[in-house]
PDB file of N, CA and C in Angstrom:
ATOM      1  N   MET A   1     119.315 105.317  86.504  1.00  0.00           N
ATOM      2  CA  MET A   1     118.414 106.169  87.204  1.00  0.00           C
ATOM      3  C   MET A   1     116.604 106.050  86.617  1.00  0.00           C
ATOM      4  N   GLU A   2     116.281 105.574  85.622  1.00  0.00           N
ATOM      5  CA  GLU A   2     115.095 105.194  85.346  1.00  0.00           C
ATOM      6  C   GLU A   2     114.710 103.856  85.789  1.00  0.00           C
ATOM      7  N   GLU A   3     115.540 103.245  85.926  1.00  0.00           N
ATOM      8  CA  GLU A   3     115.124 101.628  86.606  1.00  0.00           C
ATOM      9  C   GLU A   3     114.980 101.646  88.157  1.00  0.00           C
ATOM     10  N   PHE A   4     115.433 102.841  88.632  1.00  0.00           N
ATOM     11  CA  PHE A   4     115.167 103.321  89.892  1.00  0.00           C
ATOM     12  C   PHE A   4     114.216 103.646  90.042  1.00  0.00           C
ATOM     13  N   PHE A   5     113.617 104.618  89.414  1.00  0.00           N
ATOM     14  CA  PHE A   5     112.189 105.261  89.412  1.00  0.00           C
ATOM     15  C   PHE A   5     111.056 104.221  89.041  1.00  0.00           C
ATOM     16  N   LYS A   6     111.338 103.109  88.017  1.00  0.00           N
ATOM     17  CA  LYS A   6     110.267 102.244  87.828  1.00  0.00           C
ATOM     18  C   LYS A   6     110.070 101.170  89.031  1.00  0.00           C
ATOM     19  N   ARG A   7     111.681 101.053  89.627  1.00  0.00           N
ATOM     20  CA  ARG A   7     111.073 100.085  90.770  1.00  0.00           C
ATOM     21  C   ARG A   7     110.491 100.807  91.676  1.00  0.00           C
ATOM     22  N   LEU A   8     110.717 101.912  92.064  1.00  0.00           N
ATOM     23  CA  LEU A   8     110.159 102.979  93.247  1.00  0.00           C
ATOM     24  C   LEU A   8     108.680 102.961  92.885  1.00  0.00           C
ATOM     25  N   LYS A   9     108.226 103.094  91.851  1.00  0.00           N
ATOM     26  CA  LYS A   9     107.107 103.343  91.514  1.00  0.00           C
ATOM     27  C   LYS A   9     106.091 102.052  91.702  1.00  0.00           C
ATOM     28  N   SER A  10     106.811 100.952  91.198  1.00  0.00           N
ATOM     29  CA  SER A  10     105.883  99.408  91.829  1.00  0.00           C
ATOM     30  C   SER A  10     106.284  99.121  93.184  1.00  0.00           C
ATOM     31  N   TYR A  11     107.176  99.710  93.786  1.00  0.00           N
ATOM     32  CA  TYR A  11     107.208  99.644  95.286  1.00  0.00           C
ATOM     33  C   TYR A  11     105.955 100.190  95.860  1.00  0.00           C
ATOM     34  N   LEU A  12     105.813 101.639  95.460  1.00  0.00           N
ATOM     35  CA  LEU A  12     104.577 102.077  96.033  1.00  0.00           C
ATOM     36  C   LEU A  12     103.344 102.125  95.551  1.00  0.00           C
ATOM     37  N   LYS A  13     103.342 101.086  94.450  1.00  0.00           N
ATOM     38  CA  LYS A  13     101.959 100.522  93.912  1.00  0.00           C
ATOM     39  C   LYS A  13     101.675  99.186  95.109  1.00  0.00           C
ATOM     40  N   GLY A  14     102.610  98.527  95.120  1.00  0.00           N
ATOM     41  CA  GLY A  14     102.525  97.542  96.102  1.00  0.00           C
ATOM     42  C   GLY A  14     102.373  97.999  97.834  1.00  0.00           C
ATOM     43  N   ALA A  15     102.799  99.037  98.101  1.00  0.00           N
ATOM     44  CA  ALA A  15     102.395  99.029  99.455  1.00  0.00           C
ATOM     45  C   ALA A  15     101.317  99.833  99.284  1.00  0.00           C
ATOM     46  N   TYR A  16     100.775 100.775  98.595  1.00  0.00           N
ATOM     47  CA  TYR A  16      99.328 101.408  98.285  1.00  0.00           C
ATOM     48  C   TYR A  16      98.331 100.092  98.560  1.00  0.00           C
ATOM     49  N   LYS A  17      98.648  99.161  97.668  1.00  0.00           N
ATOM     50  CA  LYS A  17      97.605  98.243  97.948  1.00  0.00           C
ATOM     51  C   LYS A  17      97.602  97.347  98.784  1.00  0.00           C
ATOM     52  N   MET A  18      98.558  97.079  99.586  1.00  0.00           N
ATOM     53  CA  MET A  18      98.625  96.526 100.823  1.00  0.00           C
ATOM     54  C   MET A  18      97.948  97.346 101.795  1.00  0.00           C
ATOM     55  N   TYR A  19      98.253  98.997 101.903  1.00  0.00           N
ATOM     56  CA  TYR A  19      97.637  99.470 102.822  1.00  0.00           C
ATOM     57  C   TYR A  19      96.199  99.560 102.753  1.00  0.00           C
ATOM     58  N   CYS A  20      95.714  99.461 101.337  1.00  0.00           N
ATOM     59  CA  CYS A  20      94.277  99.506 101.183  1.00  0.00           C
ATOM     60  C   CYS A  20      93.540  98.161 101.608  1.00  0.00           C
ATOM     61  N   SER A  21      94.218  97.210 101.493  1.00  0.00           N
ATOM     62  CA  SER A  21      93.735  95.640 101.674  1.00  0.00           C
ATOM     63  C   SER A  21      94.063  95.823 103.566  1.00  0.00           C
ATOM     64  N   LEU A  22      94.781  96.408 104.355  1.00  0.00           N
ATOM     65  CA  LEU A  22      94.884  96.408 105.585  1.00  0.00           C
ATOM     66  C   LEU A  22      93.624  97.533 105.901  1.00  0.00           C
ATOM     67  N   TYR A  23      93.523  98.545 105.246  1.00  0.00           N
ATOM     68  CA  TYR A  23      92.434  99.352 105.825  1.00  0.00           C
ATOM     69  C   TYR A  23      91.015  98.823 105.609  1.00  0.00           C
ATOM     70  N   ASP A  24      90.979  97.548 104.710  1.00  0.00           N
ATOM     71  CA  ASP A  24      89.357  97.145 104.583  1.00  0.00           C
ATOM     72  C   ASP A  24      89.520  96.192 105.527  1.00  0.00           C
ATOM     73  N   GLY A  25      90.391  95.283 105.971  1.00  0.00           N
ATOM     74  CA  GLY A  25      90.577  94.649 106.851  1.00  0.00           C
ATOM     75  C   GLY A  25      90.121  95.046 108.306  1.00  0.00           C
ATOM     76  N   LEU A  26      90.649  96.580 108.858  1.00  0.00           N
ATOM     77  CA  LEU A  26      90.172  97.256 109.492  1.00  0.00           C
ATOM     78  C   LEU A  26      89.061  97.465 109.759  1.00  0.00           C
ATOM     79  N   GLN A  27      88.423  97.819 108.897  1.00  0.00           N
ATOM     80  CA  GLN A  27      87.208  98.534 109.005  1.00  0.00           C
ATOM     81  C   GLN A  27      86.021  97.185 109.002  1.00  0.00           C
ATOM     82  N   VAL A  28      86.469  95.954 108.568  1.00  0.00           N
ATOM     83  CA  VAL A  28      85.948  94.868 108.808  1.00  0.00           C
ATOM     84  C   VAL A  28      85.793  94.111 110.121  1.00  0.00           C
ATOM     85  N   ALA A  29      86.955  94.497 110.732  1.00  0.00           N
ATOM     86  CA  ALA A  29      87.452  94.252 111.837  1.00  0.00           C
ATOM     87  C   ALA A  29      86.364  95.104 113.125  1.00  0.00           C
ATOM     88  N   ILE A  30      86.581  96.180 113.076  1.00  0.00           N
ATOM     89  CA  ILE A  30      85.448  97.565 113.377  1.00  0.00           C
ATOM     90  C   ILE A  30      84.149  97.201 113.375  1.00  0.00           C
ATOM     91  N   LEU A  31      84.008  96.711 112.309  1.00  0.00           N
ATOM     92  CA  LEU A  31      82.547  96.254 112.337  1.00  0.00           C
ATOM     93  C   LEU A  31      82.116  95.203 112.846  1.00  0.00           C
ATOM     94  N   PHE A  32      82.768  93.737 113.101  1.00  0.00           N
ATOM     95  CA  PHE A  32      82.432  92.877 113.560  1.00  0.00           C
ATOM     96  C   PHE A  32      82.792  93.314 115.301  1.00  0.00           C
ATOM     97  N   GLY A  33      83.624  94.013 115.684  1.00  0.00           N
ATOM     98  CA  GLY A  33      83.695  94.253 117.159  1.00  0.00           C
ATOM     99  C   GLY A  33      82.293  95.034 117.453  1.00  0.00           C
ATOM    100  N   ASN A  34      82.221  95.808 116.917  1.00  0.00           N
ATOM    101  CA  ASN A  34      80.789  96.665 117.474  1.00  0.00           C
ATOM    102  C   ASN A  34      79.739  95.898 117.375  1.00  0.00           C
ATOM    103  N   LEU A  35      79.250  94.762 116.527  1.00  0.00           N
ATOM    104  CA  LEU A  35      78.506  93.749 116.603  1.00  0.00           C
ATOM    105  C   LEU A  35      78.639  92.742 117.483  1.00  0.00           C
ATOM    106  N   ILE A  36      79.783  92.658 118.020  1.00  0.00           N
ATOM    107  CA  ILE A  36      79.800  91.374 118.882  1.00  0.00           C
ATOM    108  C   ILE A  36      79.703  92.356 120.562  1.00  0.00           C
ATOM    109  N   LEU A  37      80.015  93.815 120.450  1.00  0.00           N
ATOM    110  CA  LEU A  37      79.744  94.537 121.704  1.00  0.00           C
ATOM    111  C   LEU A  37      78.566  94.966 121.785  1.00  0.00           C
ATOM    112  N   THR A  38      77.666  95.102 120.542  1.00  0.00           N
ATOM    113  CA  THR A  38      76.109  95.288 120.386  1.00  0.00           C
ATOM    114  C   THR A  38      75.422  94.042 121.514  1.00  0.00           C
ATOM    115  N   THR A  39      75.700  92.683 120.882  1.00  0.00           N
ATOM    116  CA  THR A  39      75.206  91.524 121.028  1.00  0.00           C
ATOM    117  C   THR A  39      75.463  91.442 122.446  1.00  0.00           C
ATOM    118  N   ALA A  40      76.886  91.340 123.157  1.00  0.00           N
ATOM    119  CA  ALA A  40      76.915  91.585 124.296  1.00  0.00           C
ATOM    120  C   ALA A  40      76.490  91.947 125.292  1.00  0.00           C
ATOM    121  N   ILE A  41      76.076  93.460 125.167  1.00  0.00           N
ATOM    122  CA  ILE A  41      75.475  94.350 126.151  1.00  0.00           C
ATOM    123  C   ILE A  41      73.938  94.323 125.626  1.00  0.00           C
ATOM    124  N   PHE A  42      73.107  93.686 124.710  1.00  0.00           N
ATOM    125  CA  PHE A  42      72.057  93.440 124.407  1.00  0.00           C
ATOM    126  C   PHE A  42      71.694  92.060 125.180  1.00  0.00           C
ATOM    127  N   GLY A  43      72.526  91.199 125.448  1.00  0.00           N
ATOM    128  CA  GLY A  43      72.649  89.982 126.160  1.00  0.00           C
ATOM    129  C   GLY A  43      72.642  90.168 127.646  1.00  0.00           C
ATOM    130  N   ILE A  44      73.247  91.023 128.172  1.00  0.00           N
ATOM    131  CA  ILE A  44      73.317  91.271 129.712  1.00  0.00           C
ATOM    132  C   ILE A  44      71.984  91.826 129.541  1.00  0.00           C
ATOM    133  N   LEU A  45      71.873  92.857 129.018  1.00  0.00           N
ATOM    134  CA  LEU A  45      70.273  93.664 129.718  1.00  0.00           C
ATOM    135  C   LEU A  45      68.951  92.457 129.339  1.00  0.00           C
TER     136      LEU A  45
END
């Protein structure tokens, strides 16, 4: 049973790390998207 909890803990840690890196990636993507949008809008004006 203890082994199961150890595995679960490491799995959750891995999932959390993956979630954090995905979240960071999303933030960067949003930032770039806004930058491109702003550039496009100012380019049209």
